[in-house]
Amino acid sequence: MDIEAIAVSILEADADTVVLYLLAEEETFAGEVAALNSTLNGLVQDLIDGEDFSGKAEQIAVVYPRGAI
């Protein structure tokens, strides 16, 4: 497996997997996370609103974009 860090917009990345981090204290999204949430029709916000993911240490959520990006 090859892992490569690149400096490009999440929405422009040609990758099989995108990793982003969210902090439990963050109440609003900005920048790349806001753009990703918008492109995924609010999926990131829905994940948090559903209380299945809170952003606490070592918590992981897998999201399938279903062709949106």
PDB file of N, CA and C in Angstrom:
ATOM      1  N   MET A   1       0.847  -1.161   0.000  1.00  0.00           N
ATOM      2  CA  MET A   1       0.000   0.000   0.000  1.00  0.00           C
ATOM      3  C   MET A   1       0.895   1.228   0.000  1.00  0.00           C
ATOM      4  N   ASP A   2       0.570   2.175  -0.884  1.00  0.00           N
ATOM      5  CA  ASP A   2       1.291   3.433  -0.946  1.00  0.00           C
ATOM      6  C   ASP A   2       0.437   4.525  -0.333  1.00  0.00           C
ATOM      7  N   ILE A   3       1.021   5.310   0.563  1.00  0.00           N
ATOM      8  CA  ILE A   3       0.339   6.447   1.166  1.00  0.00           C
ATOM      9  C   ILE A   3       1.081   7.700   0.753  1.00  0.00           C
ATOM     10  N   GLU A   4       0.341   8.665   0.246  1.00  0.00           N
ATOM     11  CA  GLU A   4       0.947   9.904  -0.235  1.00  0.00           C
ATOM     12  C   GLU A   4       0.126  11.085   0.275  1.00  0.00           C
ATOM     13  N   ALA A   5       0.807  12.037   0.877  1.00  0.00           N
ATOM     14  CA  ALA A   5       0.141  13.273   1.312  1.00  0.00           C
ATOM     15  C   ALA A   5       0.297  14.304   0.203  1.00  0.00           C
ATOM     16  N   ILE A   6      -0.816  14.915  -0.197  1.00  0.00           N
ATOM     17  CA  ILE A   6      -0.764  15.908  -1.259  1.00  0.00           C
ATOM     18  C   ILE A   6      -1.479  17.175  -0.804  1.00  0.00           C
ATOM     19  N   ALA A   7      -1.027  18.296  -1.309  1.00  0.00           N
ATOM     20  CA  ALA A   7      -1.639  19.585  -0.975  1.00  0.00           C
ATOM     21  C   ALA A   7      -2.562  19.990  -2.113  1.00  0.00           C
ATOM     22  N   VAL A   8      -3.800  19.504  -2.048  1.00  0.00           N
ATOM     23  CA  VAL A   8      -4.787  19.807  -3.074  1.00  0.00           C
ATOM     24  C   VAL A   8      -6.156  19.788  -2.402  1.00  0.00           C
ATOM     25  N   SER A   9      -7.094  20.484  -2.976  1.00  0.00           N
ATOM     26  CA  SER A   9      -8.446  20.495  -2.443  1.00  0.00           C
ATOM     27  C   SER A   9      -9.003  19.075  -2.363  1.00  0.00           C
ATOM     28  N   ILE A  10      -9.733  18.790  -1.303  1.00  0.00           N
ATOM     29  CA  ILE A  10     -10.365  17.475  -1.155  1.00  0.00           C
ATOM     30  C   ILE A  10     -11.214  17.152  -2.375  1.00  0.00           C
ATOM     31  N   LEU A  11     -11.885  18.155  -2.882  1.00  0.00           N
ATOM     32  CA  LEU A  11     -12.800  17.942  -4.004  1.00  0.00           C
ATOM     33  C   LEU A  11     -12.079  17.713  -5.328  1.00  0.00           C
ATOM     34  N   GLU A  12     -10.783  18.055  -5.378  1.00  0.00           N
ATOM     35  CA  GLU A  12     -10.007  17.877  -6.601  1.00  0.00           C
ATOM     36  C   GLU A  12      -9.047  16.698  -6.521  1.00  0.00           C
ATOM     37  N   ALA A  13      -8.957  16.063  -5.360  1.00  0.00           N
ATOM     38  CA  ALA A  13      -8.000  14.980  -5.165  1.00  0.00           C
ATOM     39  C   ALA A  13      -8.399  13.746  -5.971  1.00  0.00           C
ATOM     40  N   ASP A  14      -7.423  13.157  -6.628  1.00  0.00           N
ATOM     41  CA  ASP A  14      -7.623  11.895  -7.333  1.00  0.00           C
ATOM     42  C   ASP A  14      -7.121  10.797  -6.404  1.00  0.00           C
ATOM     43  N   ALA A  15      -8.007  10.318  -5.527  1.00  0.00           N
ATOM     44  CA  ALA A  15      -7.591   9.366  -4.497  1.00  0.00           C
ATOM     45  C   ALA A  15      -8.702   8.365  -4.225  1.00  0.00           C
ATOM     46  N   ASP A  16      -8.308   7.205  -3.748  1.00  0.00           N
ATOM     47  CA  ASP A  16      -9.283   6.189  -3.352  1.00  0.00           C
ATOM     48  C   ASP A  16      -9.868   6.494  -1.978  1.00  0.00           C
ATOM     49  N   THR A  17      -9.094   7.171  -1.141  1.00  0.00           N
ATOM     50  CA  THR A  17      -9.505   7.469   0.229  1.00  0.00           C
ATOM     51  C   THR A  17      -9.084   8.882   0.589  1.00  0.00           C
ATOM     52  N   VAL A  18      -9.953   9.577   1.296  1.00  0.00           N
ATOM     53  CA  VAL A  18      -9.641  10.904   1.818  1.00  0.00           C
ATOM     54  C   VAL A  18      -9.826  10.846   3.327  1.00  0.00           C
ATOM     55  N   VAL A  19      -8.850  11.347   4.051  1.00  0.00           N
ATOM     56  CA  VAL A  19      -8.922  11.373   5.509  1.00  0.00           C
ATOM     57  C   VAL A  19      -9.019  12.829   5.943  1.00  0.00           C
ATOM     58  N   LEU A  20     -10.009  13.105   6.784  1.00  0.00           N
ATOM     59  CA  LEU A  20     -10.102  14.442   7.360  1.00  0.00           C
ATOM     60  C   LEU A  20     -10.396  14.300   8.831  1.00  0.00           C
ATOM     61  N   TYR A  21     -10.091  15.328   9.564  1.00  0.00           N
ATOM     62  CA  TYR A  21     -10.336  15.249  10.993  1.00  0.00           C
ATOM     63  C   TYR A  21     -11.309  16.334  11.419  1.00  0.00           C
ATOM     64  N   LEU A  22     -12.115  15.995  12.397  1.00  0.00           N
ATOM     65  CA  LEU A  22     -13.060  16.931  12.998  1.00  0.00           C
ATOM     66  C   LEU A  22     -12.855  16.875  14.500  1.00  0.00           C
ATOM     67  N   LEU A  23     -12.909  18.019  15.134  1.00  0.00           N
ATOM     68  CA  LEU A  23     -12.753  18.082  16.577  1.00  0.00           C
ATOM     69  C   LEU A  23     -14.111  18.153  17.246  1.00  0.00           C
ATOM     70  N   ALA A  24     -14.235  17.528  18.393  1.00  0.00           N
ATOM     71  CA  ALA A  24     -15.508  17.493  19.110  1.00  0.00           C
ATOM     72  C   ALA A  24     -16.016  18.895  19.432  1.00  0.00           C
ATOM     73  N   GLU A  25     -15.112  19.847  19.627  1.00  0.00           N
ATOM     74  CA  GLU A  25     -15.501  21.204  20.004  1.00  0.00           C
ATOM     75  C   GLU A  25     -16.023  22.040  18.837  1.00  0.00           C
ATOM     76  N   GLU A  26     -15.759  21.614  17.615  1.00  0.00           N
ATOM     77  CA  GLU A  26     -16.162  22.396  16.450  1.00  0.00           C
ATOM     78  C   GLU A  26     -17.672  22.313  16.250  1.00  0.00           C
ATOM     79  N   GLU A  27     -18.307  23.481  16.186  1.00  0.00           N
ATOM     80  CA  GLU A  27     -19.756  23.507  15.987  1.00  0.00           C
ATOM     81  C   GLU A  27     -20.138  23.831  14.548  1.00  0.00           C
ATOM     82  N   THR A  28     -19.217  24.426  13.804  1.00  0.00           N
ATOM     83  CA  THR A  28     -19.470  24.736  12.397  1.00  0.00           C
ATOM     84  C   THR A  28     -18.270  24.290  11.573  1.00  0.00           C
ATOM     85  N   PHE A  29     -18.515  24.048  10.323  1.00  0.00           N
ATOM     86  CA  PHE A  29     -17.441  23.660   9.415  1.00  0.00           C
ATOM     87  C   PHE A  29     -16.945  24.884   8.662  1.00  0.00           C
ATOM     88  N   ALA A  30     -15.677  24.848   8.295  1.00  0.00           N
ATOM     89  CA  ALA A  30     -15.091  25.916   7.495  1.00  0.00           C
ATOM     90  C   ALA A  30     -14.209  25.288   6.426  1.00  0.00           C
ATOM     91  N   GLY A  31     -13.900  26.053   5.424  1.00  0.00           N
ATOM     92  CA  GLY A  31     -12.946  25.644   4.400  1.00  0.00           C
ATOM     93  C   GLY A  31     -13.295  24.347   3.704  1.00  0.00           C
ATOM     94  N   GLU A  32     -12.314  23.448   3.668  1.00  0.00           N
ATOM     95  CA  GLU A  32     -12.447  22.186   2.937  1.00  0.00           C
ATOM     96  C   GLU A  32     -13.580  21.311   3.484  1.00  0.00           C
ATOM     97  N   VAL A  33     -13.735  21.271   4.786  1.00  0.00           N
ATOM     98  CA  VAL A  33     -14.778  20.423   5.369  1.00  0.00           C
ATOM     99  C   VAL A  33     -16.158  20.961   4.991  1.00  0.00           C
ATOM    100  N   ALA A  34     -16.322  22.279   5.005  1.00  0.00           N
ATOM    101  CA  ALA A  34     -17.599  22.885   4.597  1.00  0.00           C
ATOM    102  C   ALA A  34     -17.887  22.591   3.130  1.00  0.00           C
ATOM    103  N   ALA A  35     -16.867  22.689   2.291  1.00  0.00           N
ATOM    104  CA  ALA A  35     -17.044  22.400   0.864  1.00  0.00           C
ATOM    105  C   ALA A  35     -17.404  20.934   0.647  1.00  0.00           C
ATOM    106  N   LEU A  36     -16.737  20.038   1.369  1.00  0.00           N
ATOM    107  CA  LEU A  36     -17.031  18.614   1.251  1.00  0.00           C
ATOM    108  C   LEU A  36     -18.449  18.325   1.729  1.00  0.00           C
ATOM    109  N   ASN A  37     -18.837  18.893   2.852  1.00  0.00           N
ATOM    110  CA  ASN A  37     -20.190  18.698   3.379  1.00  0.00           C
ATOM    111  C   ASN A  37     -21.234  19.166   2.372  1.00  0.00           C
ATOM    112  N   SER A  38     -20.987  20.298   1.742  1.00  0.00           N
ATOM    113  CA  SER A  38     -21.913  20.830   0.745  1.00  0.00           C
ATOM    114  C   SER A  38     -22.012  19.902  -0.465  1.00  0.00           C
ATOM    115  N   THR A  39     -20.869  19.450  -0.954  1.00  0.00           N
ATOM    116  CA  THR A  39     -20.842  18.565  -2.114  1.00  0.00           C
ATOM    117  C   THR A  39     -21.539  17.241  -1.824  1.00  0.00           C
ATOM    118  N   LEU A  40     -21.444  16.787  -0.589  1.00  0.00           N
ATOM    119  CA  LEU A  40     -22.085  15.529  -0.194  1.00  0.00           C
ATOM    120  C   LEU A  40     -23.499  15.755   0.338  1.00  0.00           C
ATOM    121  N   ASN A  41     -24.065  16.903  -0.002  1.00  0.00           N
ATOM    122  CA  ASN A  41     -25.442  17.223   0.383  1.00  0.00           C
ATOM    123  C   ASN A  41     -25.700  17.102   1.883  1.00  0.00           C
ATOM    124  N   GLY A  42     -24.750  17.593   2.684  1.00  0.00           N
ATOM    125  CA  GLY A  42     -24.917  17.624   4.133  1.00  0.00           C
ATOM    126  C   GLY A  42     -24.620  16.324   4.851  1.00  0.00           C
ATOM    127  N   LEU A  43     -23.990  15.377   4.172  1.00  0.00           N
ATOM    128  CA  LEU A  43     -23.736  14.067   4.757  1.00  0.00           C
ATOM    129  C   LEU A  43     -22.853  14.134   6.000  1.00  0.00           C
ATOM    130  N   VAL A  44     -21.848  15.004   5.999  1.00  0.00           N
ATOM    131  CA  VAL A  44     -20.962  15.122   7.161  1.00  0.00           C
ATOM    132  C   VAL A  44     -21.760  15.661   8.349  1.00  0.00           C
ATOM    133  N   GLN A  45     -22.567  16.677   8.123  1.00  0.00           N
ATOM    134  CA  GLN A  45     -23.392  17.232   9.196  1.00  0.00           C
ATOM    135  C   GLN A  45     -24.406  16.208   9.685  1.00  0.00           C
ATOM    136  N   ASP A  46     -24.997  15.451   8.781  1.00  0.00           N
ATOM    137  CA  ASP A  46     -25.945  14.408   9.166  1.00  0.00           C
ATOM    138  C   ASP A  46     -25.294  13.356  10.064  1.00  0.00           C
ATOM    139  N   LEU A  47     -24.040  13.036   9.772  1.00  0.00           N
ATOM    140  CA  LEU A  47     -23.300  12.063  10.576  1.00  0.00           C
ATOM    141  C   LEU A  47     -23.184  12.559  12.017  1.00  0.00           C
ATOM    142  N   ILE A  48     -22.878  13.825  12.182  1.00  0.00           N
ATOM    143  CA  ILE A  48     -22.738  14.400  13.515  1.00  0.00           C
ATOM    144  C   ILE A  48     -24.101  14.576  14.184  1.00  0.00           C
ATOM    145  N   ASP A  49     -25.077  15.055  13.442  1.00  0.00           N
ATOM    146  CA  ASP A  49     -26.418  15.255  14.001  1.00  0.00           C
ATOM    147  C   ASP A  49     -27.034  13.940  14.468  1.00  0.00           C
ATOM    148  N   GLY A  50     -26.693  12.845  13.818  1.00  0.00           N
ATOM    149  CA  GLY A  50     -27.219  11.539  14.188  1.00  0.00           C
ATOM    150  C   GLY A  50     -26.591  10.972  15.445  1.00  0.00           C
ATOM    151  N   GLU A  51     -25.607  11.654  15.975  1.00  0.00           N
ATOM    152  CA  GLU A  51     -24.913  11.299  17.206  1.00  0.00           C
ATOM    153  C   GLU A  51     -24.149   9.979  17.139  1.00  0.00           C
ATOM    154  N   ASP A  52     -23.958   9.445  15.939  1.00  0.00           N
ATOM    155  CA  ASP A  52     -23.127   8.252  15.801  1.00  0.00           C
ATOM    156  C   ASP A  52     -21.650   8.620  15.805  1.00  0.00           C
ATOM    157  N   PHE A  53     -21.364   9.880  15.507  1.00  0.00           N
ATOM    158  CA  PHE A  53     -19.992  10.360  15.458  1.00  0.00           C
ATOM    159  C   PHE A  53     -19.936  11.701  16.169  1.00  0.00           C
ATOM    160  N   SER A  54     -19.030  11.831  17.122  1.00  0.00           N
ATOM    161  CA  SER A  54     -18.939  13.084  17.876  1.00  0.00           C
ATOM    162  C   SER A  54     -17.596  13.776  17.733  1.00  0.00           C
ATOM    163  N   GLY A  55     -16.604  13.128  17.132  1.00  0.00           N
ATOM    164  CA  GLY A  55     -15.301  13.742  16.961  1.00  0.00           C
ATOM    165  C   GLY A  55     -14.371  13.533  18.141  1.00  0.00           C
ATOM    166  N   LYS A  56     -14.695  12.605  19.008  1.00  0.00           N
ATOM    167  CA  LYS A  56     -13.834  12.331  20.156  1.00  0.00           C
ATOM    168  C   LYS A  56     -12.604  11.544  19.709  1.00  0.00           C
ATOM    169  N   ALA A  57     -11.581  11.554  20.553  1.00  0.00           N
ATOM    170  CA  ALA A  57     -10.309  10.902  20.248  1.00  0.00           C
ATOM    171  C   ALA A  57     -10.507   9.461  19.806  1.00  0.00           C
ATOM    172  N   GLU A  58      -9.782   9.098  18.763  1.00  0.00           N
ATOM    173  CA  GLU A  58      -9.745   7.751  18.203  1.00  0.00           C
ATOM    174  C   GLU A  58     -11.069   7.263  17.612  1.00  0.00           C
ATOM    175  N   GLN A  59     -12.009   8.169  17.406  1.00  0.00           N
ATOM    176  CA  GLN A  59     -13.283   7.786  16.807  1.00  0.00           C
ATOM    177  C   GLN A  59     -13.160   7.854  15.289  1.00  0.00           C
ATOM    178  N   ILE A  60     -13.705   6.871  14.609  1.00  0.00           N
ATOM    179  CA  ILE A  60     -13.597   6.778  13.156  1.00  0.00           C
ATOM    180  C   ILE A  60     -14.982   6.569  12.560  1.00  0.00           C
ATOM    181  N   ALA A  61     -15.224   7.225  11.437  1.00  0.00           N
ATOM    182  CA  ALA A  61     -16.458   7.002  10.690  1.00  0.00           C
ATOM    183  C   ALA A  61     -16.085   6.812   9.228  1.00  0.00           C
ATOM    184  N   VAL A  62     -16.668   5.836   8.597  1.00  0.00           N
ATOM    185  CA  VAL A  62     -16.457   5.591   7.180  1.00  0.00           C
ATOM    186  C   VAL A  62     -17.709   6.079   6.443  1.00  0.00           C
ATOM    187  N   VAL A  63     -17.487   6.913   5.437  1.00  0.00           N
ATOM    188  CA  VAL A  63     -18.593   7.499   4.674  1.00  0.00           C
ATOM    189  C   VAL A  63     -18.376   7.168   3.208  1.00  0.00           C
ATOM    190  N   TYR A  64     -19.392   6.693   2.564  1.00  0.00           N
ATOM    191  CA  TYR A  64     -19.324   6.385   1.132  1.00  0.00           C
ATOM    192  C   TYR A  64     -20.032   7.506   0.376  1.00  0.00           C
ATOM    193  N   PRO A  65     -19.308   8.207  -0.501  1.00  0.00           N
ATOM    194  CA  PRO A  65     -19.876   9.372  -1.180  1.00  0.00           C
ATOM    195  C   PRO A  65     -20.860   9.046  -2.301  1.00  0.00           C
ATOM    196  N   ARG A  66     -20.979   7.798  -2.675  1.00  0.00           N
ATOM    197  CA  ARG A  66     -21.920   7.367  -3.709  1.00  0.00           C
ATOM    198  C   ARG A  66     -21.827   8.193  -4.992  1.00  0.00           C
ATOM    199  N   GLY A  67     -20.581   8.404  -5.420  1.00  0.00           N
ATOM    200  CA  GLY A  67     -20.332   9.090  -6.674  1.00  0.00           C
ATOM    201  C   GLY A  67     -20.423  10.607  -6.629  1.00  0.00           C
ATOM    202  N   ALA A  68     -20.638  11.210  -5.461  1.00  0.00           N
ATOM    203  CA  ALA A  68     -20.775  12.665  -5.380  1.00  0.00           C
ATOM    204  C   ALA A  68     -19.442  13.380  -5.602  1.00  0.00           C
ATOM    205  N   ILE A  69     -18.344  12.699  -5.301  1.00  0.00           N
ATOM    206  CA  ILE A  69     -17.028  13.301  -5.552  1.00  0.00           C
ATOM    207  C   ILE A  69     -16.165  12.290  -6.258  1.00  0.00           C
TER     208      ILE A  69
END
